[in-house]
């Protein structure tokens, strides 16, 4: 997208894939952090997992998205950023000639990122992940709101821009 917080970091092993498909499996990472600006793809726990999977010959795509403070961020914009990033992987193959196996995409999200990858997996139509891993997601936003989740107790309300019903 056009916003400074809509970007991807794509890491593909430099040597050819020896797999029968000739393309690398893909791990798409979405960071968490209560949808807050202070948490990014560069300073959350997904960075070490991304490095590990890259070392195990996965192509790794780290997704940055608009957070609740950003114009268009929060609900539903942040989710749409992740969906658009997932579907952009098809262009990485067709237009940019990356060796990515679109049939072996794992979508991984932690915390707020986990919440969004569950939504994205349900709404994906062009590129369908073969596996979705949501680590510590908020699966019930009403309960998350009532429980006042986050360090300040307002993460769900600020993400939704309202009390969820």
C-alpha atoms as a PDB file:
ATOM      1  CA  UNK A   1       0.000   0.000   0.000  1.00  0.00           C
ATOM      2  CA  UNK A   2       0.876   3.655   0.026  1.00  0.00           C
ATOM      3  CA  UNK A   3       1.218   4.073   3.780  1.00  0.00           C
ATOM      4  CA  UNK A   4       4.710   3.925   5.301  1.00  0.00           C
ATOM      5  CA  UNK A   5       3.570   0.989   7.462  1.00  0.00           C
ATOM      6  CA  UNK A   6       2.412  -1.145   4.553  1.00  0.00           C
ATOM      7  CA  UNK A   7       5.435  -3.129   3.454  1.00  0.00           C
ATOM      8  CA  UNK A   8       6.884  -6.591   3.116  1.00  0.00           C
ATOM      9  CA  UNK A   9      10.342  -7.924   3.799  1.00  0.00           C
ATOM     10  CA  UNK A  10      10.919 -10.856   1.466  1.00  0.00           C
ATOM     11  CA  UNK A  11      13.823 -13.235   2.094  1.00  0.00           C
ATOM     12  CA  UNK A  12      14.395 -16.085  -0.341  1.00  0.00           C
ATOM     13  CA  UNK A  13      17.377 -18.446  -0.152  1.00  0.00           C
ATOM     14  CA  UNK A  14      19.873 -17.481  -2.833  1.00  0.00           C
ATOM     15  CA  UNK A  15      20.681 -20.978  -4.049  1.00  0.00           C
ATOM     16  CA  UNK A  16      18.195 -22.904  -6.188  1.00  0.00           C
ATOM     17  CA  UNK A  17      15.572 -24.969  -4.427  1.00  0.00           C
ATOM     18  CA  UNK A  18      16.384 -28.681  -4.587  1.00  0.00           C
ATOM     19  CA  UNK A  19      12.789 -29.617  -3.779  1.00  0.00           C
ATOM     20  CA  UNK A  20      10.901 -31.538  -6.496  1.00  0.00           C
ATOM     21  CA  UNK A  21       8.678 -28.485  -7.068  1.00  0.00           C
ATOM     22  CA  UNK A  22      11.694 -26.243  -7.659  1.00  0.00           C
ATOM     23  CA  UNK A  23      10.128 -23.614  -5.400  1.00  0.00           C
ATOM     24  CA  UNK A  24      10.524 -22.775  -1.737  1.00  0.00           C
ATOM     25  CA  UNK A  25       7.784 -23.221   0.839  1.00  0.00           C
ATOM     26  CA  UNK A  26       6.693 -19.840   2.188  1.00  0.00           C
ATOM     27  CA  UNK A  27       6.282 -18.606   5.762  1.00  0.00           C
ATOM     28  CA  UNK A  28       4.347 -15.342   6.058  1.00  0.00           C
ATOM     29  CA  UNK A  29       4.811 -13.682   9.462  1.00  0.00           C
ATOM     30  CA  UNK A  30       2.488 -11.132  11.056  1.00  0.00           C
ATOM     31  CA  UNK A  31       3.671  -9.552  14.289  1.00  0.00           C
ATOM     32  CA  UNK A  32       1.513  -8.713  17.255  1.00  0.00           C
ATOM     33  CA  UNK A  33       1.685  -5.974  19.834  1.00  0.00           C
ATOM     34  CA  UNK A  34      -1.897  -4.943  20.623  1.00  0.00           C
ATOM     35  CA  UNK A  35      -2.088  -3.236  17.178  1.00  0.00           C
ATOM     36  CA  UNK A  36       0.148  -0.496  18.673  1.00  0.00           C
ATOM     37  CA  UNK A  37       2.679   1.594  16.794  1.00  0.00           C
ATOM     38  CA  UNK A  38       5.537   0.740  19.127  1.00  0.00           C
ATOM     39  CA  UNK A  39       5.542  -2.922  18.028  1.00  0.00           C
ATOM     40  CA  UNK A  40       6.851  -3.652  14.545  1.00  0.00           C
ATOM     41  CA  UNK A  41       8.155  -6.434  12.343  1.00  0.00           C
ATOM     42  CA  UNK A  42      11.616  -5.421  13.566  1.00  0.00           C
ATOM     43  CA  UNK A  43      11.153  -5.668  17.340  1.00  0.00           C
ATOM     44  CA  UNK A  44       8.757  -8.519  18.102  1.00  0.00           C
ATOM     45  CA  UNK A  45       9.278 -12.209  18.790  1.00  0.00           C
ATOM     46  CA  UNK A  46       8.498 -13.274  15.214  1.00  0.00           C
ATOM     47  CA  UNK A  47      11.890 -12.051  14.012  1.00  0.00           C
ATOM     48  CA  UNK A  48      13.767 -14.988  15.555  1.00  0.00           C
ATOM     49  CA  UNK A  49      11.264 -17.507  14.194  1.00  0.00           C
ATOM     50  CA  UNK A  50      11.547 -15.935  10.747  1.00  0.00           C
ATOM     51  CA  UNK A  51      15.332 -16.262  10.859  1.00  0.00           C
ATOM     52  CA  UNK A  52      15.064 -19.912  11.904  1.00  0.00           C
ATOM     53  CA  UNK A  53      12.681 -20.848   9.102  1.00  0.00           C
ATOM     54  CA  UNK A  54      14.876 -19.046   6.571  1.00  0.00           C
ATOM     55  CA  UNK A  55      17.818 -21.147   7.754  1.00  0.00           C
ATOM     56  CA  UNK A  56      15.623 -24.216   7.152  1.00  0.00           C
ATOM     57  CA  UNK A  57      15.129 -23.176   3.507  1.00  0.00           C
ATOM     58  CA  UNK A  58      11.791 -21.406   3.678  1.00  0.00           C
ATOM     59  CA  UNK A  59      11.146 -18.198   1.821  1.00  0.00           C
ATOM     60  CA  UNK A  60      10.115 -15.765   4.541  1.00  0.00           C
ATOM     61  CA  UNK A  61       7.787 -12.807   4.155  1.00  0.00           C
ATOM     62  CA  UNK A  62       7.481 -10.456   7.113  1.00  0.00           C
ATOM     63  CA  UNK A  63       4.440  -8.198   6.909  1.00  0.00           C
ATOM     64  CA  UNK A  64       4.148  -4.698   8.289  1.00  0.00           C
ATOM     65  CA  UNK A  65       0.661  -3.226   8.492  1.00  0.00           C
ATOM     66  CA  UNK A  66      -1.110  -0.039   9.511  1.00  0.00           C
ATOM     67  CA  UNK A  67      -1.747  -0.021  13.216  1.00  0.00           C
ATOM     68  CA  UNK A  68      -4.640   1.470  15.147  1.00  0.00           C
ATOM     69  CA  UNK A  69      -3.004   4.933  15.287  1.00  0.00           C
ATOM     70  CA  UNK A  70      -2.497   5.065  11.503  1.00  0.00           C
ATOM     71  CA  UNK A  71      -4.957   6.465   8.971  1.00  0.00           C
ATOM     72  CA  UNK A  72      -6.971   3.465   7.828  1.00  0.00           C
ATOM     73  CA  UNK A  73      -5.438   1.232  10.508  1.00  0.00           C
ATOM     74  CA  UNK A  74      -7.318  -0.809  13.064  1.00  0.00           C
ATOM     75  CA  UNK A  75     -10.501  -2.575  12.035  1.00  0.00           C
ATOM     76  CA  UNK A  76     -10.806  -3.466   9.166  1.00  0.00           C
ATOM     77  CA  UNK A  77      -7.793  -1.774   7.544  1.00  0.00           C
ATOM     78  CA  UNK A  78      -5.072  -3.657   9.400  1.00  0.00           C
ATOM     79  CA  UNK A  79      -6.697  -6.981   8.471  1.00  0.00           C
ATOM     80  CA  UNK A  80      -7.025  -5.904   4.839  1.00  0.00           C
ATOM     81  CA  UNK A  81      -3.323  -5.005   4.782  1.00  0.00           C
ATOM     82  CA  UNK A  82      -2.480  -8.592   5.775  1.00  0.00           C
ATOM     83  CA  UNK A  83      -4.903 -10.032   3.209  1.00  0.00           C
ATOM     84  CA  UNK A  84      -3.407  -7.834   0.478  1.00  0.00           C
ATOM     85  CA  UNK A  85       0.099  -8.897   1.500  1.00  0.00           C
ATOM     86  CA  UNK A  86      -0.846 -12.578   1.281  1.00  0.00           C
ATOM     87  CA  UNK A  87      -2.395 -12.120  -2.139  1.00  0.00           C
ATOM     88  CA  UNK A  88       0.637 -10.110  -3.307  1.00  0.00           C
ATOM     89  CA  UNK A  89       2.695 -13.303  -3.053  1.00  0.00           C
ATOM     90  CA  UNK A  90       1.164 -14.398  -6.362  1.00  0.00           C
ATOM     91  CA  UNK A  91       2.687 -11.296  -8.004  1.00  0.00           C
ATOM     92  CA  UNK A  92       6.052 -12.102  -6.468  1.00  0.00           C
ATOM     93  CA  UNK A  93       5.933 -15.329  -8.461  1.00  0.00           C
ATOM     94  CA  UNK A  94       4.313 -14.183 -11.720  1.00  0.00           C
ATOM     95  CA  UNK A  95       5.735 -10.683 -12.111  1.00  0.00           C
ATOM     96  CA  UNK A  96       8.937 -10.720 -10.072  1.00  0.00           C
ATOM     97  CA  UNK A  97       9.875 -14.387 -10.726  1.00  0.00           C
ATOM     98  CA  UNK A  98      10.481 -15.422  -7.137  1.00  0.00           C
ATOM     99  CA  UNK A  99      10.691 -19.213  -6.640  1.00  0.00           C
ATOM    100  CA  UNK A 100       7.810 -19.494  -4.173  1.00  0.00           C
ATOM    101  CA  UNK A 101       5.525 -22.500  -3.871  1.00  0.00           C
ATOM    102  CA  UNK A 102       2.083 -20.907  -3.547  1.00  0.00           C
ATOM    103  CA  UNK A 103       0.660 -24.305  -2.601  1.00  0.00           C
ATOM    104  CA  UNK A 104       2.844 -24.410   0.527  1.00  0.00           C
ATOM    105  CA  UNK A 105       2.192 -21.130   2.316  1.00  0.00           C
ATOM    106  CA  UNK A 106       2.143 -21.061   6.088  1.00  0.00           C
ATOM    107  CA  UNK A 107       0.523 -17.953   7.553  1.00  0.00           C
ATOM    108  CA  UNK A 108       1.834 -17.256  11.068  1.00  0.00           C
ATOM    109  CA  UNK A 109       0.674 -14.567  13.458  1.00  0.00           C
ATOM    110  CA  UNK A 110       1.361 -13.802  17.088  1.00  0.00           C
ATOM    111  CA  UNK A 111      -1.124 -12.119  19.459  1.00  0.00           C
ATOM    112  CA  UNK A 112      -2.845  -9.344  17.465  1.00  0.00           C
ATOM    113  CA  UNK A 113      -1.170 -10.812  14.393  1.00  0.00           C
ATOM    114  CA  UNK A 114      -2.676 -14.191  15.279  1.00  0.00           C
ATOM    115  CA  UNK A 115      -6.109 -12.625  15.461  1.00  0.00           C
ATOM    116  CA  UNK A 116      -5.659 -11.136  12.010  1.00  0.00           C
ATOM    117  CA  UNK A 117      -4.254 -14.267  10.325  1.00  0.00           C
ATOM    118  CA  UNK A 118      -7.355 -16.192  11.403  1.00  0.00           C
ATOM    119  CA  UNK A 119      -9.539 -13.542   9.725  1.00  0.00           C
ATOM    120  CA  UNK A 120      -7.303 -13.477   6.639  1.00  0.00           C
ATOM    121  CA  UNK A 121      -7.399 -17.265   6.257  1.00  0.00           C
ATOM    122  CA  UNK A 122     -11.188 -17.112   6.259  1.00  0.00           C
ATOM    123  CA  UNK A 123     -11.311 -14.314   3.659  1.00  0.00           C
ATOM    124  CA  UNK A 124      -8.455 -15.318   1.334  1.00  0.00           C
ATOM    125  CA  UNK A 125      -9.563 -16.109  -2.207  1.00  0.00           C
ATOM    126  CA  UNK A 126      -6.581 -15.687  -4.551  1.00  0.00           C
ATOM    127  CA  UNK A 127      -3.827 -17.229  -2.441  1.00  0.00           C
ATOM    128  CA  UNK A 128      -4.956 -19.798   0.106  1.00  0.00           C
ATOM    129  CA  UNK A 129      -2.592 -20.700   2.942  1.00  0.00           C
ATOM    130  CA  UNK A 130      -2.055 -24.435   3.422  1.00  0.00           C
ATOM    131  CA  UNK A 131      -1.453 -23.936   7.150  1.00  0.00           C
ATOM    132  CA  UNK A 132      -2.395 -21.161   9.578  1.00  0.00           C
ATOM    133  CA  UNK A 133      -0.630 -20.797  12.923  1.00  0.00           C
ATOM    134  CA  UNK A 134      -2.146 -18.303  15.349  1.00  0.00           C
ATOM    135  CA  UNK A 135      -0.042 -18.014  18.490  1.00  0.00           C
ATOM    136  CA  UNK A 136      -1.929 -16.462  21.445  1.00  0.00           C
ATOM    137  CA  UNK A 137      -4.616 -14.756  19.337  1.00  0.00           C
ATOM    138  CA  UNK A 138      -7.635 -12.944  20.677  1.00  0.00           C
ATOM    139  CA  UNK A 139     -10.288 -15.245  19.232  1.00  0.00           C
ATOM    140  CA  UNK A 140     -13.211 -13.591  20.993  1.00  0.00           C
ATOM    141  CA  UNK A 141     -13.025  -9.804  20.694  1.00  0.00           C
ATOM    142  CA  UNK A 142     -16.005  -9.267  22.999  1.00  0.00           C
ATOM    143  CA  UNK A 143     -14.324 -11.309  25.730  1.00  0.00           C
ATOM    144  CA  UNK A 144     -11.009  -9.572  25.010  1.00  0.00           C
ATOM    145  CA  UNK A 145     -12.724  -6.214  25.429  1.00  0.00           C
ATOM    146  CA  UNK A 146     -14.508  -7.307  28.629  1.00  0.00           C
ATOM    147  CA  UNK A 147     -11.233  -8.691  30.005  1.00  0.00           C
ATOM    148  CA  UNK A 148      -9.491  -5.400  29.164  1.00  0.00           C
ATOM    149  CA  UNK A 149      -6.631  -7.156  27.395  1.00  0.00           C
ATOM    150  CA  UNK A 150      -3.353  -5.305  26.855  1.00  0.00           C
ATOM    151  CA  UNK A 151      -0.949  -3.348  28.960  1.00  0.00           C
ATOM    152  CA  UNK A 152      -3.408  -0.436  29.135  1.00  0.00           C
ATOM    153  CA  UNK A 153      -6.625  -2.449  28.964  1.00  0.00           C
ATOM    154  CA  UNK A 154      -7.937  -0.829  25.798  1.00  0.00           C
ATOM    155  CA  UNK A 155      -6.389  -2.749  22.890  1.00  0.00           C
ATOM    156  CA  UNK A 156      -9.592  -4.247  21.498  1.00  0.00           C
ATOM    157  CA  UNK A 157     -11.594  -1.030  21.769  1.00  0.00           C
ATOM    158  CA  UNK A 158      -8.899   1.055  20.068  1.00  0.00           C
ATOM    159  CA  UNK A 159      -8.432  -1.572  17.339  1.00  0.00           C
ATOM    160  CA  UNK A 160     -12.188  -1.800  16.692  1.00  0.00           C
ATOM    161  CA  UNK A 161     -12.689   1.967  17.216  1.00  0.00           C
ATOM    162  CA  UNK A 162     -15.685   0.996  19.353  1.00  0.00           C
ATOM    163  CA  UNK A 163     -16.745  -1.529  21.952  1.00  0.00           C
ATOM    164  CA  UNK A 164     -17.336  -4.791  20.079  1.00  0.00           C
ATOM    165  CA  UNK A 165     -20.833  -6.245  20.216  1.00  0.00           C
END
